[in-house]
N, C-alpha and C. Protein backbone atom coordinates (compact mmCIF):
# COMPACT_ATOMS: atom_id res chain seq x y z
N MET A 1 52.01 104.17 84.59
CA MET A 1 52.40 103.48 85.67
C MET A 1 53.75 102.74 85.26
N PRO A 2 54.80 102.72 85.80
CA PRO A 2 55.96 101.98 85.55
C PRO A 2 55.81 100.51 85.50
N HIS A 3 56.56 99.72 84.61
CA HIS A 3 56.50 98.32 84.63
C HIS A 3 57.34 97.88 85.88
N LEU A 4 56.66 96.97 86.67
CA LEU A 4 57.31 96.30 87.87
C LEU A 4 57.74 95.03 87.43
N PRO A 5 59.03 94.54 87.91
CA PRO A 5 59.66 93.29 87.47
C PRO A 5 58.96 92.28 88.06
N ALA A 6 58.24 91.36 87.17
CA ALA A 6 57.58 90.24 87.61
C ALA A 6 58.36 88.87 88.02
N THR A 7 59.28 88.52 87.18
CA THR A 7 60.10 87.44 87.21
C THR A 7 61.37 87.58 88.04
N TRP A 8 61.99 86.46 88.38
CA TRP A 8 63.19 86.72 88.99
C TRP A 8 64.38 87.31 88.43
N ARG A 9 64.42 87.11 86.92
CA ARG A 9 65.50 87.46 86.14
C ARG A 9 65.07 88.94 85.94
N GLU A 10 63.90 89.49 85.76
CA GLU A 10 63.71 90.95 85.67
C GLU A 10 64.05 91.54 86.80
N ARG A 11 63.80 91.00 88.20
CA ARG A 11 64.16 91.49 89.43
C ARG A 11 65.56 91.74 89.58
N LYS A 12 66.31 90.60 89.05
CA LYS A 12 67.82 90.53 89.04
C LYS A 12 68.41 91.74 88.37
N HIS A 13 67.89 91.73 87.11
CA HIS A 13 68.38 92.92 86.15
C HIS A 13 68.02 94.15 86.44
N ALA A 14 66.92 94.37 87.25
CA ALA A 14 66.54 95.85 87.86
C ALA A 14 67.54 96.05 88.90
N ASP A 15 67.81 95.10 89.93
CA ASP A 15 68.69 95.26 91.10
C ASP A 15 70.04 95.59 90.55
N GLN A 16 70.41 94.89 89.49
CA GLN A 16 71.76 95.06 89.04
C GLN A 16 71.90 96.53 88.33
N GLU A 17 70.99 96.96 87.65
CA GLU A 17 70.88 98.36 87.28
C GLU A 17 71.03 99.37 88.33
N ARG A 18 70.26 99.27 89.34
CA ARG A 18 70.22 100.38 90.42
C ARG A 18 71.55 100.03 91.31
N ARG A 19 72.13 99.03 91.57
CA ARG A 19 73.62 98.88 92.03
C ARG A 19 74.39 99.54 91.04
N VAL A 20 74.48 99.55 89.68
CA VAL A 20 75.23 99.99 88.78
C VAL A 20 75.14 101.58 88.81
N ASP A 21 74.05 102.09 88.86
CA ASP A 21 73.59 103.49 89.02
C ASP A 21 74.26 104.04 90.27
N ARG A 22 74.00 103.40 91.28
CA ARG A 22 74.58 103.93 92.73
C ARG A 22 76.01 104.11 92.55
N VAL A 23 76.77 102.86 92.19
CA VAL A 23 78.31 103.03 91.96
C VAL A 23 78.72 104.09 91.08
N MET A 24 78.09 104.35 89.86
CA MET A 24 78.59 105.15 88.80
C MET A 24 78.31 106.81 89.43
N SER A 25 77.56 106.84 90.25
CA SER A 25 77.08 108.24 90.73
C SER A 25 77.71 108.49 92.13
N ASP A 26 78.50 107.58 92.79
CA ASP A 26 78.75 107.57 94.10
C ASP A 26 79.88 108.68 94.15
N GLN A 27 79.79 109.46 95.25
CA GLN A 27 80.76 110.74 95.40
C GLN A 27 81.40 110.49 96.80
N PHE A 28 80.98 109.45 97.60
CA PHE A 28 81.77 109.24 98.91
C PHE A 28 83.03 108.79 98.76
N PHE A 29 83.57 108.17 97.74
CA PHE A 29 84.85 107.66 97.51
C PHE A 29 85.53 108.42 96.37
N GLN A 30 85.13 109.55 96.44
CA GLN A 30 85.75 110.38 95.35
C GLN A 30 87.46 110.67 95.61
N TRP A 31 87.56 110.73 96.69
CA TRP A 31 89.14 110.94 96.87
C TRP A 31 89.95 109.68 96.44
N THR A 32 89.28 108.49 96.25
CA THR A 32 90.40 107.33 95.69
C THR A 32 90.47 107.51 94.09
N ARG A 33 89.72 108.32 93.36
CA ARG A 33 89.52 108.48 91.99
C ARG A 33 90.63 109.27 91.29
N THR A 34 91.65 109.76 91.93
CA THR A 34 92.58 110.55 91.17
C THR A 34 93.56 109.65 90.77
N ALA A 35 94.30 109.96 89.85
CA ALA A 35 95.58 109.04 89.35
C ALA A 35 96.53 108.98 90.36
N ALA A 36 96.98 109.74 91.07
CA ALA A 36 98.05 109.45 92.12
C ALA A 36 97.47 108.69 93.19
N MET A 37 96.34 108.63 93.57
CA MET A 37 95.74 107.85 94.75
C MET A 37 95.35 106.32 93.96
N ARG A 38 94.99 106.31 92.83
CA ARG A 38 94.85 104.93 92.22
C ARG A 38 96.16 104.23 92.18
N ARG A 39 97.22 104.75 91.69
CA ARG A 39 98.51 104.27 91.58
C ARG A 39 99.00 103.98 93.10
N SER A 40 98.90 104.46 93.93
CA SER A 40 99.35 104.09 95.29
C SER A 40 98.53 103.17 95.81
N LEU A 41 97.14 103.02 95.34
CA LEU A 41 96.42 101.76 95.78
C LEU A 41 96.97 100.61 95.17
N VAL A 42 97.31 100.89 93.96
CA VAL A 42 97.86 99.53 93.20
C VAL A 42 99.20 99.26 93.67
N VAL A 43 100.01 100.06 94.08
CA VAL A 43 101.36 99.61 94.71
C VAL A 43 101.19 99.08 96.23
N VAL A 44 100.27 99.38 96.85
CA VAL A 44 99.93 98.88 98.36
C VAL A 44 99.32 97.40 98.09
N ALA A 45 98.41 97.47 97.07
CA ALA A 45 97.76 96.19 96.89
C ALA A 45 98.57 95.12 96.47
N ALA A 46 99.49 95.48 95.61
CA ALA A 46 100.78 94.46 95.28
C ALA A 46 101.68 94.03 96.46
N LEU A 47 102.08 95.16 97.19
CA LEU A 47 102.70 94.69 98.33
C LEU A 47 102.13 93.89 99.34
N LEU A 48 100.82 94.17 99.50
CA LEU A 48 100.09 93.21 100.43
C LEU A 48 99.76 91.80 99.80
N CYS A 49 99.61 91.79 98.49
CA CYS A 49 99.59 90.29 97.74
C CYS A 49 100.92 89.47 97.96
N VAL A 50 102.05 90.30 97.93
CA VAL A 50 103.27 89.60 98.20
C VAL A 50 103.57 89.33 99.56
N ALA A 51 103.17 90.03 100.54
CA ALA A 51 103.30 90.10 101.86
C ALA A 51 102.62 89.01 102.57
N ILE A 52 101.54 88.41 101.84
CA ILE A 52 100.52 87.28 102.34
C ILE A 52 101.65 86.04 102.61
N ILE A 53 102.39 85.70 101.83
CA ILE A 53 103.25 84.62 101.68
C ILE A 53 104.00 84.45 102.92
N PRO A 54 104.91 85.36 103.30
CA PRO A 54 105.60 85.61 104.53
C PRO A 54 104.95 85.77 105.75
N ALA A 55 103.76 86.32 105.69
CA ALA A 55 102.88 86.59 106.97
C ALA A 55 102.39 85.28 107.29
N PHE A 56 102.21 84.36 106.26
CA PHE A 56 101.66 82.92 106.63
C PHE A 56 102.64 82.09 106.92
N ALA A 57 103.87 82.42 106.48
CA ALA A 57 104.90 81.35 106.52
C ALA A 57 105.71 81.58 107.92
N GLN A 58 105.90 82.97 108.15
CA GLN A 58 106.69 83.37 109.22
C GLN A 58 105.96 83.81 110.60
N GLY A 59 104.78 84.35 110.16
CA GLY A 59 103.94 84.89 111.34
C GLY A 59 102.85 83.99 111.74
N GLY A 60 102.59 83.07 111.08
CA GLY A 60 101.45 82.00 111.48
C GLY A 60 100.24 82.31 110.83
N GLY A 61 99.20 81.75 111.34
CA GLY A 61 97.83 81.97 110.91
C GLY A 61 97.16 83.25 111.12
N VAL A 62 97.21 83.56 112.19
CA VAL A 62 96.56 84.97 112.83
C VAL A 62 97.05 86.04 112.06
N ILE A 63 98.56 86.24 112.02
CA ILE A 63 99.11 87.29 111.08
C ILE A 63 98.79 87.18 109.65
N GLY A 64 98.96 85.89 109.10
CA GLY A 64 98.63 85.85 107.80
C GLY A 64 97.15 86.24 107.43
N ILE A 65 96.14 85.84 108.35
CA ILE A 65 94.67 86.19 108.05
C ILE A 65 94.59 87.82 108.08
N ILE A 66 95.26 88.44 108.90
CA ILE A 66 95.24 89.89 109.05
C ILE A 66 95.60 90.40 107.70
N VAL A 67 96.69 90.07 107.37
CA VAL A 67 97.31 90.74 106.23
C VAL A 67 96.38 90.16 104.99
N ALA A 68 95.98 88.99 104.84
CA ALA A 68 94.98 88.62 103.87
C ALA A 68 93.68 89.69 103.66
N ILE A 69 93.20 89.76 104.89
CA ILE A 69 91.96 90.75 105.15
C ILE A 69 92.31 92.06 104.54
N ALA A 70 93.54 92.73 105.07
CA ALA A 70 93.98 93.91 104.58
C ALA A 70 93.93 93.85 102.99
N ALA A 71 94.50 92.86 102.51
CA ALA A 71 94.79 92.89 101.00
C ALA A 71 93.34 92.70 100.32
N TRP A 72 92.39 91.94 100.89
CA TRP A 72 91.05 91.91 100.15
C TRP A 72 90.15 93.12 100.50
N ALA A 73 90.52 94.01 101.63
CA ALA A 73 89.90 95.40 101.82
C ALA A 73 90.41 96.33 100.74
N MET A 74 91.92 96.14 100.30
CA MET A 74 92.54 96.81 99.44
C MET A 74 91.96 96.62 97.92
N TRP A 75 91.57 95.22 97.95
CA TRP A 75 90.88 94.90 96.63
C TRP A 75 89.51 95.65 96.34
N GLY A 76 88.66 95.68 97.34
CA GLY A 76 87.35 96.47 97.44
C GLY A 76 87.56 97.69 97.29
N LEU A 77 88.61 98.41 97.94
CA LEU A 77 88.93 99.90 97.76
C LEU A 77 89.05 100.20 96.16
N LEU A 78 90.19 99.38 95.62
CA LEU A 78 90.60 99.72 94.27
C LEU A 78 89.27 99.44 93.37
N ARG A 79 88.49 98.45 93.73
CA ARG A 79 87.45 98.31 92.92
C ARG A 79 86.30 99.42 92.83
N ILE A 80 86.36 100.17 93.95
CA ILE A 80 85.38 101.06 94.09
C ILE A 80 86.00 102.42 93.43
N SER A 81 87.35 102.50 93.50
CA SER A 81 88.19 103.53 92.88
C SER A 81 87.95 103.78 91.34
N ILE A 82 87.79 102.31 90.54
CA ILE A 82 87.67 102.41 89.33
C ILE A 82 86.13 102.12 89.00
N ARG A 83 85.22 102.40 89.96
CA ARG A 83 83.80 102.18 89.75
C ARG A 83 83.46 100.84 89.23
N THR A 84 84.20 99.69 89.66
CA THR A 84 83.99 98.43 89.35
C THR A 84 83.91 98.38 87.61
N VAL A 85 84.59 99.00 86.75
CA VAL A 85 84.50 98.83 85.38
C VAL A 85 85.06 97.68 84.96
N ALA A 86 86.00 96.88 85.64
CA ALA A 86 86.67 95.82 85.36
C ALA A 86 85.72 94.52 85.35
N ASP A 87 84.41 94.71 86.15
CA ASP A 87 83.61 93.60 86.62
C ASP A 87 82.20 93.72 86.01
N LEU A 88 81.91 94.88 85.09
CA LEU A 88 80.46 95.12 84.68
C LEU A 88 80.29 94.50 83.26
N PRO A 89 79.15 94.12 83.06
CA PRO A 89 78.76 93.63 81.64
C PRO A 89 78.82 94.71 80.65
N ASP A 90 78.92 94.49 79.53
CA ASP A 90 79.07 95.37 78.26
C ASP A 90 77.96 96.35 78.37
N ARG A 91 76.77 96.15 78.68
CA ARG A 91 75.55 96.92 78.71
C ARG A 91 75.68 98.09 79.58
N PHE A 92 76.53 98.03 80.62
CA PHE A 92 76.57 99.22 81.44
C PHE A 92 77.57 100.14 81.06
N LEU A 93 78.57 99.86 80.31
CA LEU A 93 79.80 100.52 79.90
C LEU A 93 79.59 101.17 78.49
N ASP A 94 80.28 102.27 78.52
CA ASP A 94 80.49 102.97 77.21
C ASP A 94 81.56 102.29 76.47
N GLU A 95 81.90 102.66 75.15
CA GLU A 95 82.83 102.30 74.41
C GLU A 95 84.29 102.42 74.88
N ARG A 96 84.31 103.65 75.52
CA ARG A 96 85.74 103.69 76.17
C ARG A 96 86.06 102.93 77.29
N GLN A 97 85.00 102.68 78.19
CA GLN A 97 84.98 102.01 79.41
C GLN A 97 85.18 100.29 78.80
N ARG A 98 84.43 100.10 77.97
CA ARG A 98 84.60 98.75 77.29
C ARG A 98 85.86 98.40 76.73
N ALA A 99 86.52 99.45 76.16
CA ALA A 99 87.92 99.11 75.31
C ALA A 99 89.07 99.02 76.62
N LEU A 100 88.84 99.83 77.63
CA LEU A 100 89.57 100.11 78.76
C LEU A 100 89.59 98.56 79.59
N ARG A 101 88.45 98.06 79.57
CA ARG A 101 88.43 96.84 80.33
C ARG A 101 89.03 95.64 79.67
N ASN A 102 88.62 95.71 78.19
CA ASN A 102 88.95 94.50 77.26
C ASN A 102 90.49 94.65 77.42
N ARG A 103 91.29 95.82 77.34
CA ARG A 103 92.69 95.80 77.22
C ARG A 103 93.30 95.39 78.56
N ALA A 104 92.56 95.78 79.86
CA ALA A 104 93.13 95.34 81.15
C ALA A 104 92.97 93.85 81.03
N TYR A 105 92.14 93.29 80.77
CA TYR A 105 92.25 91.72 80.90
C TYR A 105 92.94 90.99 79.91
N ARG A 106 93.11 91.90 78.88
CA ARG A 106 94.18 91.07 77.96
C ARG A 106 95.64 91.40 78.80
N TYR A 107 95.98 92.51 79.23
CA TYR A 107 97.27 92.48 79.91
C TYR A 107 97.25 91.85 81.21
N ALA A 108 96.22 91.58 81.85
CA ALA A 108 96.15 90.93 83.23
C ALA A 108 96.68 89.60 83.01
N TYR A 109 95.98 88.90 81.97
CA TYR A 109 96.12 87.31 81.72
C TYR A 109 97.60 87.33 80.93
N LEU A 110 98.08 88.29 80.24
CA LEU A 110 99.58 88.20 79.87
C LEU A 110 100.60 88.28 81.39
N ILE A 111 100.18 89.26 81.99
CA ILE A 111 101.12 89.44 83.26
C ILE A 111 100.95 88.06 84.10
N LEU A 112 99.66 87.60 84.30
CA LEU A 112 99.47 86.37 84.99
C LEU A 112 100.14 85.23 84.68
N GLY A 113 100.22 85.04 83.24
CA GLY A 113 101.09 84.03 82.44
C GLY A 113 102.56 84.07 82.69
N TRP A 114 103.08 85.21 82.89
CA TRP A 114 104.53 85.60 83.23
C TRP A 114 104.55 85.19 84.65
N ILE A 115 103.82 85.58 85.38
CA ILE A 115 104.02 85.10 86.96
C ILE A 115 103.99 83.63 87.18
N VAL A 116 103.06 83.03 86.66
CA VAL A 116 103.05 81.49 86.66
C VAL A 116 104.34 81.03 86.14
N GLY A 117 104.55 81.44 84.97
CA GLY A 117 105.64 80.88 84.34
C GLY A 117 106.99 81.08 85.08
N GLY A 118 107.23 82.16 85.66
CA GLY A 118 108.21 82.69 86.66
C GLY A 118 108.36 81.64 87.88
N LEU A 119 107.15 81.53 88.44
CA LEU A 119 107.07 80.84 89.67
C LEU A 119 107.41 79.14 89.32
N ALA A 120 106.94 78.84 88.00
CA ALA A 120 107.15 77.31 87.77
C ALA A 120 108.91 77.15 87.54
N THR A 121 109.25 78.23 86.84
CA THR A 121 110.88 77.91 86.56
C THR A 121 111.74 78.26 87.95
N VAL A 122 111.22 78.85 88.95
CA VAL A 122 111.79 79.11 90.10
C VAL A 122 111.54 77.72 90.82
N GLY A 123 110.49 77.29 90.83
CA GLY A 123 110.26 75.96 91.36
C GLY A 123 111.01 74.86 90.76
N LEU A 124 111.20 74.86 89.58
CA LEU A 124 111.98 73.90 89.09
C LEU A 124 113.40 73.95 89.25
N VAL A 125 113.85 75.23 89.16
CA VAL A 125 115.18 75.41 89.62
C VAL A 125 115.59 74.98 91.05
N ALA A 126 114.67 75.49 92.00
CA ALA A 126 114.83 74.93 93.19
C ALA A 126 114.81 73.54 93.39
N PHE A 127 113.92 72.88 92.85
CA PHE A 127 114.01 71.33 92.86
C PHE A 127 115.18 70.84 92.38
N VAL A 128 115.77 71.34 91.54
CA VAL A 128 116.95 70.58 90.85
C VAL A 128 118.01 70.76 91.92
N ILE A 129 118.15 72.12 92.47
CA ILE A 129 119.31 72.36 93.39
C ILE A 129 118.98 71.44 94.66
N VAL A 130 117.95 71.27 95.06
CA VAL A 130 117.52 70.50 96.28
C VAL A 130 117.82 69.05 95.88
N SER A 131 117.48 68.54 94.76
CA SER A 131 117.60 67.22 94.45
C SER A 131 119.06 66.77 94.16
N GLU A 132 120.06 67.78 93.74
CA GLU A 132 121.48 67.22 93.92
C GLU A 132 121.79 66.85 95.17
N ASN A 133 121.42 67.40 96.23
CA ASN A 133 121.93 67.18 97.70
C ASN A 133 121.01 66.28 98.24
N ASP A 134 121.42 65.07 98.49
CA ASP A 134 120.47 63.95 99.25
C ASP A 134 120.22 64.48 100.66
N ALA A 135 121.04 65.20 101.31
CA ALA A 135 121.02 65.78 102.74
C ALA A 135 119.96 66.52 102.85
N VAL A 136 119.47 67.46 101.81
CA VAL A 136 118.61 68.49 101.78
C VAL A 136 117.14 68.18 101.68
N THR A 137 116.37 68.40 102.37
CA THR A 137 114.76 68.22 102.18
C THR A 137 114.23 69.43 102.19
N TRP A 138 113.09 69.58 101.44
CA TRP A 138 112.22 70.76 101.57
C TRP A 138 110.84 70.29 101.90
N THR A 139 110.44 70.95 102.93
CA THR A 139 109.28 70.77 103.39
C THR A 139 108.49 72.02 103.48
N THR A 140 106.93 71.87 103.27
CA THR A 140 106.07 72.95 103.20
C THR A 140 104.98 72.64 104.12
N THR A 141 104.78 73.78 105.05
CA THR A 141 103.62 73.80 106.08
C THR A 141 102.38 74.03 105.18
N TRP A 142 101.17 73.60 106.13
CA TRP A 142 99.98 74.22 105.44
C TRP A 142 99.90 75.70 105.65
N ASP A 143 100.69 76.26 106.54
CA ASP A 143 100.38 77.86 106.62
C ASP A 143 101.10 78.39 105.40
N GLN A 144 102.32 77.80 104.81
CA GLN A 144 103.02 78.16 103.60
C GLN A 144 102.13 78.19 102.35
N ALA A 145 101.47 77.09 102.48
CA ALA A 145 100.71 76.65 101.11
C ALA A 145 99.52 77.33 101.16
N ILE A 146 98.70 77.75 102.35
CA ILE A 146 97.60 78.48 102.39
C ILE A 146 98.16 80.03 101.94
N GLY A 147 99.17 80.57 102.25
CA GLY A 147 99.53 81.76 102.08
C GLY A 147 99.99 81.90 100.39
N ALA A 148 100.59 80.93 99.76
CA ALA A 148 100.69 80.99 98.47
C ALA A 148 99.56 80.94 97.68
N VAL A 149 98.44 80.03 98.22
CA VAL A 149 97.31 79.92 97.31
C VAL A 149 96.33 81.30 97.51
N LEU A 150 96.28 81.74 98.79
CA LEU A 150 95.68 82.93 99.00
C LEU A 150 96.44 84.32 98.14
N SER A 151 97.50 84.15 98.04
CA SER A 151 98.40 85.41 97.42
C SER A 151 98.16 85.33 95.89
N LEU A 152 98.04 84.03 95.43
CA LEU A 152 97.76 83.82 93.91
C LEU A 152 96.59 84.08 93.63
N SER A 153 95.56 83.60 94.50
CA SER A 153 93.99 83.92 94.14
C SER A 153 93.73 85.46 94.09
N LEU A 154 94.44 86.13 95.06
CA LEU A 154 94.13 87.60 95.16
C LEU A 154 94.68 88.37 93.96
N ILE A 155 95.96 87.75 93.43
CA ILE A 155 96.60 88.43 92.34
C ILE A 155 95.50 88.41 91.18
N ILE A 156 95.07 87.11 91.00
CA ILE A 156 94.09 86.78 89.86
C ILE A 156 92.99 87.76 90.03
N ALA A 157 92.64 87.72 91.15
CA ALA A 157 91.15 88.81 91.32
C ALA A 157 91.62 90.38 91.08
N LEU A 158 92.87 90.67 91.38
CA LEU A 158 93.32 92.16 91.60
C LEU A 158 93.82 92.53 89.99
N LEU A 159 94.42 91.81 89.21
CA LEU A 159 95.07 92.28 88.18
C LEU A 159 94.31 93.13 87.18
N PRO A 160 93.18 92.73 86.90
CA PRO A 160 92.41 93.49 85.92
C PRO A 160 91.97 94.96 86.48
N SER A 161 91.74 94.97 87.72
CA SER A 161 91.52 96.38 88.52
C SER A 161 92.65 97.13 88.60
N MET A 162 93.87 96.48 88.82
CA MET A 162 95.02 97.06 88.92
C MET A 162 95.49 97.84 87.70
N ILE A 163 95.41 97.00 86.70
CA ILE A 163 95.82 97.67 85.30
C ILE A 163 94.78 99.01 84.89
N ILE A 164 93.72 98.67 85.15
CA ILE A 164 92.70 99.80 84.88
C ILE A 164 93.15 100.95 85.83
N ALA A 165 93.27 100.81 87.02
CA ALA A 165 93.66 101.85 87.88
C ALA A 165 94.86 102.56 87.71
N TRP A 166 95.99 101.67 87.12
CA TRP A 166 97.13 102.24 86.65
C TRP A 166 97.16 103.09 85.23
N SER A 167 96.30 102.75 84.38
CA SER A 167 96.31 103.34 83.13
C SER A 167 95.24 104.30 82.85
N ASP A 168 94.31 104.23 83.73
CA ASP A 168 93.21 105.28 83.50
C ASP A 168 93.57 106.53 84.21
N PRO A 169 93.41 107.71 83.43
CA PRO A 169 93.84 108.89 84.22
C PRO A 169 93.07 109.41 85.37
N GLY A 170 92.01 108.61 85.61
CA GLY A 170 91.31 109.12 87.00
C GLY A 170 90.31 110.29 86.75
N GLU A 171 89.77 110.62 87.66
CA GLU A 171 88.70 111.81 87.79
C GLU A 171 89.34 112.90 88.34
N VAL A 172 88.88 114.06 87.91
CA VAL A 172 89.44 115.27 88.27
C VAL A 172 88.53 115.85 89.49
N ASP A 173 89.34 116.22 90.58
CA ASP A 173 88.43 116.65 91.87
C ASP A 173 87.75 117.95 91.35
N ALA A 174 86.52 118.05 91.53
CA ALA A 174 85.60 119.24 91.39
C ALA A 174 85.84 120.28 92.48
C-alpha cells in the first residue's frame, strides 16, 4: 500500500509533484511550444508591457485594466509554453533545464538593471529640462503612476520566462 501523506508539508509536496507532472505531460498547449510561437509570444508580451503605460495614461482606468489583463494572460500563456521551467524548484528540473533557468535569471536581472538604469537616467534628464524653465510643471496622475507600476511589475515577472522562451529551441510537433 502506498504511503499517504500525513502532514501538511507532505501533502503540499505531493500536490506540487502532481501539478508538475501534469504541466510536464500537458499536450493541450503543444501549439505554443514551437520556437516561432514562443518568440511571437515574447514579442506580444513585451509590446503589451509597454502598452500598459499609455493605456492607463491616455485611455483611463478601464482601458488600462483591459490591457493589463491581456498582458497578464500573455504571461500565463508564456509560462505554459515553457512548462513553467523558470519557476520550478531544482528537484523537478534536469540539468539542462536548471542551467537554462539559471542563465535566464542572470540575463533577466541584467536586463532589468539596464531598464531601471535607463528609466532613472531619462527621469533625471527630464527633471533637469523641466527644472530649467520655471513656467513648466510636470504632474503625474494616479492612472499614469498605476500604469508605470503595473508595467514594471509585469516586466519583472515576465523577463525570466521571456528569456527562456526566446533562447530555448522549443519542442518539435509530432
